Amino acid sequence: MTVGDLIGKGIFQVVEEGDDLSREITGIFCCDLLSVAMGRAPSMSAWVTVMGNVNTIAVATLADVSCVILAENAQADEMCLTRAKQQGVTLLATEEPVFEAALKVHDMLHG
């Protein structure tokens, strides 16, 4: 599944459309501790978190994740939005809890 496919399902709100909607999503990663995400988020994963700050985008770029999904109505601050746009990171949002958001992506990947 690609980032564009995920967006096309209409399940998540598009906060920032990144530069590469053809980017593959091969798994899911859930974590709110940025230092852990930096070292453990698999490349090409959809990262589900409640952290909507500029450091989240830095970690997403370093970890080479395919997209970031902000769960639980978490809001991206202005610096986060600016950096996501600059770095070409796709940023999505949902009111769903982290687990439920990740489960929806999992079902799309494996269903």
N, C-alpha and C. Protein backbone atom coordinates (compact mmCIF):
# COMPACT_ATOMS: atom_id res chain seq x y z
N MET A 1 0.85 -1.17 0.00
CA MET A 1 0.00 0.00 0.00
C MET A 1 0.90 1.24 0.00
N THR A 2 0.48 2.24 -0.73
CA THR A 2 1.23 3.49 -0.77
C THR A 2 0.59 4.53 0.15
N VAL A 3 1.31 5.61 0.37
CA VAL A 3 0.77 6.72 1.15
C VAL A 3 -0.48 7.26 0.44
N GLY A 4 -0.42 7.36 -0.87
CA GLY A 4 -1.57 7.82 -1.64
C GLY A 4 -2.78 6.91 -1.47
N ASP A 5 -2.54 5.59 -1.45
CA ASP A 5 -3.63 4.63 -1.22
C ASP A 5 -4.27 4.86 0.15
N LEU A 6 -3.42 5.07 1.16
CA LEU A 6 -3.91 5.31 2.51
C LEU A 6 -4.76 6.57 2.55
N ILE A 7 -4.28 7.63 1.93
CA ILE A 7 -5.04 8.88 1.88
C ILE A 7 -6.36 8.67 1.15
N GLY A 8 -6.32 7.90 0.07
CA GLY A 8 -7.50 7.65 -0.74
C GLY A 8 -8.62 6.92 -0.01
N LYS A 9 -8.30 6.20 1.05
CA LYS A 9 -9.32 5.50 1.82
C LYS A 9 -10.21 6.46 2.59
N GLY A 10 -9.74 7.70 2.80
CA GLY A 10 -10.54 8.71 3.48
C GLY A 10 -10.73 8.48 4.96
N ILE A 11 -9.91 7.64 5.55
CA ILE A 11 -10.03 7.32 6.97
C ILE A 11 -9.35 8.38 7.83
N PHE A 12 -8.27 8.94 7.34
CA PHE A 12 -7.50 9.92 8.08
C PHE A 12 -7.58 11.28 7.40
N GLN A 13 -7.56 12.32 8.21
CA GLN A 13 -7.55 13.69 7.70
C GLN A 13 -6.14 14.01 7.21
N VAL A 14 -6.03 14.63 6.06
CA VAL A 14 -4.73 15.05 5.55
C VAL A 14 -4.40 16.42 6.14
N VAL A 15 -3.34 16.46 6.94
CA VAL A 15 -2.88 17.71 7.53
C VAL A 15 -1.84 18.34 6.62
N GLU A 16 -0.93 17.53 6.12
CA GLU A 16 0.10 17.98 5.17
C GLU A 16 0.37 16.83 4.20
N GLU A 17 0.16 17.10 2.93
CA GLU A 17 0.44 16.08 1.91
C GLU A 17 1.92 16.17 1.56
N GLY A 18 2.62 15.10 1.78
CA GLY A 18 4.06 15.09 1.53
C GLY A 18 4.41 15.06 0.06
N ASP A 19 5.69 14.94 -0.21
CA ASP A 19 6.20 14.99 -1.57
C ASP A 19 6.05 13.69 -2.35
N ASP A 20 5.89 12.55 -1.67
CA ASP A 20 5.93 11.27 -2.37
C ASP A 20 4.76 10.38 -1.95
N LEU A 21 3.63 10.56 -2.62
CA LEU A 21 2.45 9.76 -2.31
C LEU A 21 2.56 8.34 -2.84
N SER A 22 3.57 8.08 -3.66
CA SER A 22 3.78 6.71 -4.16
C SER A 22 4.67 5.90 -3.22
N ARG A 23 5.07 6.52 -2.13
CA ARG A 23 5.92 5.85 -1.14
C ARG A 23 5.19 4.67 -0.52
N GLU A 24 5.82 3.53 -0.47
CA GLU A 24 5.23 2.33 0.10
C GLU A 24 5.15 2.42 1.63
N ILE A 25 4.10 1.85 2.19
CA ILE A 25 3.97 1.64 3.63
C ILE A 25 4.04 0.14 3.83
N THR A 26 5.03 -0.31 4.59
CA THR A 26 5.22 -1.74 4.77
C THR A 26 4.92 -2.22 6.18
N GLY A 27 4.64 -1.29 7.10
CA GLY A 27 4.33 -1.67 8.47
C GLY A 27 3.85 -0.48 9.26
N ILE A 28 3.63 -0.70 10.54
CA ILE A 28 3.14 0.33 11.44
C ILE A 28 4.06 0.39 12.64
N PHE A 29 4.26 1.61 13.15
CA PHE A 29 5.05 1.80 14.37
C PHE A 29 4.28 2.74 15.27
N CYS A 30 4.11 2.39 16.53
CA CYS A 30 3.41 3.21 17.52
C CYS A 30 4.37 3.56 18.65
N CYS A 31 4.57 4.85 18.87
CA CYS A 31 5.45 5.28 19.96
C CYS A 31 5.33 6.78 20.12
N ASP A 32 5.34 7.24 21.37
CA ASP A 32 5.31 8.67 21.65
C ASP A 32 6.63 9.18 22.21
N LEU A 33 7.53 8.30 22.49
CA LEU A 33 8.84 8.70 23.01
C LEU A 33 9.78 8.88 21.82
N LEU A 34 10.12 10.12 21.51
CA LEU A 34 10.86 10.43 20.30
C LEU A 34 12.22 9.75 20.24
N SER A 35 12.90 9.63 21.36
CA SER A 35 14.21 8.98 21.35
C SER A 35 14.10 7.50 21.00
N VAL A 36 13.02 6.86 21.40
CA VAL A 36 12.80 5.46 21.04
C VAL A 36 12.43 5.36 19.56
N ALA A 37 11.55 6.23 19.12
CA ALA A 37 11.14 6.23 17.71
C ALA A 37 12.34 6.46 16.79
N MET A 38 13.24 7.33 17.20
CA MET A 38 14.41 7.63 16.38
C MET A 38 15.24 6.37 16.11
N GLY A 39 15.35 5.52 17.09
CA GLY A 39 16.18 4.33 16.94
C GLY A 39 15.44 3.09 16.49
N ARG A 40 14.11 3.09 16.62
CA ARG A 40 13.38 1.84 16.37
C ARG A 40 12.29 1.89 15.31
N ALA A 41 11.90 3.06 14.88
CA ALA A 41 10.85 3.13 13.86
C ALA A 41 11.38 2.56 12.55
N PRO A 42 10.72 1.55 12.02
CA PRO A 42 11.20 0.96 10.77
C PRO A 42 11.01 1.91 9.59
N SER A 43 11.97 1.93 8.72
CA SER A 43 11.84 2.68 7.48
C SER A 43 10.60 2.19 6.74
N MET A 44 9.92 3.09 6.08
CA MET A 44 8.73 2.79 5.28
C MET A 44 7.52 2.40 6.12
N SER A 45 7.52 2.76 7.40
CA SER A 45 6.36 2.47 8.24
C SER A 45 5.46 3.70 8.34
N ALA A 46 4.22 3.45 8.76
CA ALA A 46 3.31 4.52 9.15
C ALA A 46 3.48 4.67 10.65
N TRP A 47 3.94 5.83 11.09
CA TRP A 47 4.21 6.07 12.51
C TRP A 47 2.99 6.74 13.13
N VAL A 48 2.39 6.08 14.11
CA VAL A 48 1.23 6.61 14.81
C VAL A 48 1.68 7.15 16.17
N THR A 49 1.36 8.41 16.44
CA THR A 49 1.82 9.08 17.66
C THR A 49 0.84 10.17 18.06
N VAL A 50 1.02 10.72 19.25
CA VAL A 50 0.26 11.90 19.68
C VAL A 50 1.16 13.13 19.77
N MET A 51 2.39 12.99 19.35
CA MET A 51 3.36 14.08 19.43
C MET A 51 3.31 14.91 18.16
N GLY A 52 2.77 16.12 18.25
CA GLY A 52 2.62 16.97 17.08
C GLY A 52 3.54 18.18 17.10
N ASN A 53 4.82 17.93 17.34
CA ASN A 53 5.75 19.06 17.37
C ASN A 53 6.85 18.90 16.32
N VAL A 54 7.66 19.91 16.19
CA VAL A 54 8.69 19.94 15.15
C VAL A 54 9.68 18.77 15.29
N ASN A 55 9.92 18.32 16.50
CA ASN A 55 10.85 17.20 16.70
C ASN A 55 10.30 15.90 16.11
N THR A 56 8.99 15.77 16.07
CA THR A 56 8.38 14.59 15.46
C THR A 56 8.75 14.51 13.98
N ILE A 57 8.72 15.63 13.30
CA ILE A 57 9.08 15.65 11.88
C ILE A 57 10.56 15.34 11.70
N ALA A 58 11.39 15.86 12.59
CA ALA A 58 12.83 15.55 12.51
C ALA A 58 13.06 14.05 12.66
N VAL A 59 12.40 13.43 13.62
CA VAL A 59 12.55 11.99 13.84
C VAL A 59 11.97 11.21 12.65
N ALA A 60 10.84 11.64 12.13
CA ALA A 60 10.24 10.97 10.97
C ALA A 60 11.20 10.98 9.79
N THR A 61 11.89 12.08 9.60
CA THR A 61 12.86 12.19 8.51
C THR A 61 14.06 11.30 8.75
N LEU A 62 14.59 11.35 9.97
CA LEU A 62 15.76 10.51 10.31
C LEU A 62 15.44 9.02 10.21
N ALA A 63 14.25 8.64 10.66
CA ALA A 63 13.86 7.23 10.65
C ALA A 63 13.36 6.79 9.27
N ASP A 64 13.12 7.74 8.39
CA ASP A 64 12.67 7.45 7.03
C ASP A 64 11.32 6.75 7.00
N VAL A 65 10.40 7.20 7.87
CA VAL A 65 9.05 6.62 7.86
C VAL A 65 8.29 7.17 6.64
N SER A 66 7.27 6.46 6.22
CA SER A 66 6.50 6.86 5.04
C SER A 66 5.51 7.98 5.34
N CYS A 67 4.96 7.99 6.55
CA CYS A 67 4.04 9.03 6.96
C CYS A 67 3.90 9.03 8.47
N VAL A 68 3.36 10.12 8.98
CA VAL A 68 3.08 10.25 10.42
C VAL A 68 1.58 10.42 10.57
N ILE A 69 0.99 9.67 11.49
CA ILE A 69 -0.44 9.79 11.79
C ILE A 69 -0.57 10.29 13.23
N LEU A 70 -1.13 11.46 13.39
CA LEU A 70 -1.40 12.01 14.72
C LEU A 70 -2.74 11.47 15.20
N ALA A 71 -2.72 10.73 16.29
CA ALA A 71 -3.93 10.09 16.83
C ALA A 71 -4.50 10.90 17.99
N GLU A 72 -5.69 10.52 18.42
CA GLU A 72 -6.34 11.07 19.61
C GLU A 72 -6.55 12.58 19.54
N ASN A 73 -6.86 13.07 18.35
CA ASN A 73 -7.07 14.51 18.12
C ASN A 73 -5.85 15.36 18.44
N ALA A 74 -4.68 14.76 18.43
CA ALA A 74 -3.45 15.53 18.65
C ALA A 74 -3.32 16.54 17.51
N GLN A 75 -2.88 17.73 17.86
CA GLN A 75 -2.74 18.80 16.88
C GLN A 75 -1.27 19.07 16.60
N ALA A 76 -0.96 19.29 15.36
CA ALA A 76 0.39 19.70 14.98
C ALA A 76 0.52 21.20 15.23
N ASP A 77 1.61 21.59 15.91
CA ASP A 77 1.81 23.02 16.10
C ASP A 77 2.36 23.65 14.81
N GLU A 78 2.43 24.97 14.78
CA GLU A 78 2.84 25.69 13.57
C GLU A 78 4.24 25.29 13.09
N MET A 79 5.16 25.13 14.01
CA MET A 79 6.52 24.73 13.62
C MET A 79 6.52 23.34 13.01
N CYS A 80 5.69 22.46 13.54
CA CYS A 80 5.56 21.10 13.00
C CYS A 80 5.05 21.16 11.57
N LEU A 81 4.01 21.93 11.34
CA LEU A 81 3.42 22.05 10.01
C LEU A 81 4.42 22.62 9.00
N THR A 82 5.13 23.64 9.43
CA THR A 82 6.13 24.26 8.56
C THR A 82 7.22 23.27 8.20
N ARG A 83 7.72 22.54 9.19
CA ARG A 83 8.80 21.59 8.94
C ARG A 83 8.32 20.41 8.10
N ALA A 84 7.09 19.95 8.32
CA ALA A 84 6.55 18.86 7.50
C ALA A 84 6.51 19.28 6.04
N LYS A 85 6.07 20.49 5.80
CA LYS A 85 6.02 21.01 4.43
C LYS A 85 7.42 21.11 3.84
N GLN A 86 8.37 21.66 4.60
CA GLN A 86 9.74 21.80 4.13
C GLN A 86 10.39 20.46 3.83
N GLN A 87 10.13 19.47 4.67
CA GLN A 87 10.77 18.16 4.54
C GLN A 87 9.98 17.20 3.64
N GLY A 88 8.78 17.58 3.23
CA GLY A 88 7.98 16.73 2.36
C GLY A 88 7.38 15.53 3.07
N VAL A 89 7.14 15.67 4.38
CA VAL A 89 6.60 14.57 5.19
C VAL A 89 5.08 14.62 5.16
N THR A 90 4.46 13.48 4.87
CA THR A 90 3.00 13.39 4.90
C THR A 90 2.56 13.26 6.35
N LEU A 91 1.65 14.15 6.74
CA LEU A 91 1.14 14.20 8.10
C LEU A 91 -0.37 14.03 8.05
N LEU A 92 -0.85 12.98 8.71
CA LEU A 92 -2.28 12.68 8.75
C LEU A 92 -2.78 12.80 10.19
N ALA A 93 -4.08 12.82 10.37
CA ALA A 93 -4.64 12.96 11.72
C ALA A 93 -5.94 12.16 11.85
N THR A 94 -6.24 11.80 13.10
CA THR A 94 -7.47 11.09 13.41
C THR A 94 -7.85 11.34 14.86
N GLU A 95 -9.12 11.17 15.16
CA GLU A 95 -9.57 11.25 16.56
C GLU A 95 -9.43 9.90 17.25
N GLU A 96 -9.18 8.86 16.48
CA GLU A 96 -9.05 7.51 17.02
C GLU A 96 -7.87 7.40 17.98
N PRO A 97 -7.95 6.51 18.97
CA PRO A 97 -6.80 6.22 19.81
C PRO A 97 -5.67 5.62 18.97
N VAL A 98 -4.47 5.65 19.50
CA VAL A 98 -3.30 5.15 18.79
C VAL A 98 -3.52 3.72 18.31
N PHE A 99 -3.96 2.83 19.21
CA PHE A 99 -4.14 1.43 18.83
C PHE A 99 -5.14 1.28 17.70
N GLU A 100 -6.27 1.97 17.79
CA GLU A 100 -7.31 1.85 16.77
C GLU A 100 -6.82 2.38 15.42
N ALA A 101 -6.09 3.48 15.43
CA ALA A 101 -5.55 4.02 14.19
C ALA A 101 -4.56 3.03 13.56
N ALA A 102 -3.70 2.47 14.39
CA ALA A 102 -2.72 1.49 13.90
C ALA A 102 -3.43 0.24 13.37
N LEU A 103 -4.47 -0.17 14.03
CA LEU A 103 -5.22 -1.36 13.61
C LEU A 103 -5.86 -1.14 12.23
N LYS A 104 -6.35 0.06 11.99
CA LYS A 104 -6.93 0.36 10.68
C LYS A 104 -5.89 0.26 9.57
N VAL A 105 -4.70 0.77 9.83
CA VAL A 105 -3.62 0.66 8.84
C VAL A 105 -3.23 -0.80 8.67
N HIS A 106 -3.12 -1.51 9.77
CA HIS A 106 -2.78 -2.94 9.73
C HIS A 106 -3.79 -3.72 8.87
N ASP A 107 -5.06 -3.46 9.09
CA ASP A 107 -6.11 -4.14 8.33
C ASP A 107 -6.00 -3.83 6.84
N MET A 108 -5.63 -2.61 6.50
CA MET A 108 -5.46 -2.26 5.08
C MET A 108 -4.25 -2.96 4.48
N LEU A 109 -3.22 -3.10 5.28
CA LEU A 109 -2.01 -3.76 4.80
C LEU A 109 -2.19 -5.26 4.64
N HIS A 110 -2.96 -5.85 5.55
CA HIS A 110 -3.04 -7.32 5.61
C HIS A 110 -4.44 -7.87 5.35
N GLY A 111 -5.40 -6.99 5.10
CA GLY A 111 -6.78 -7.43 4.96
C GLY A 111 -7.11 -7.76 3.59
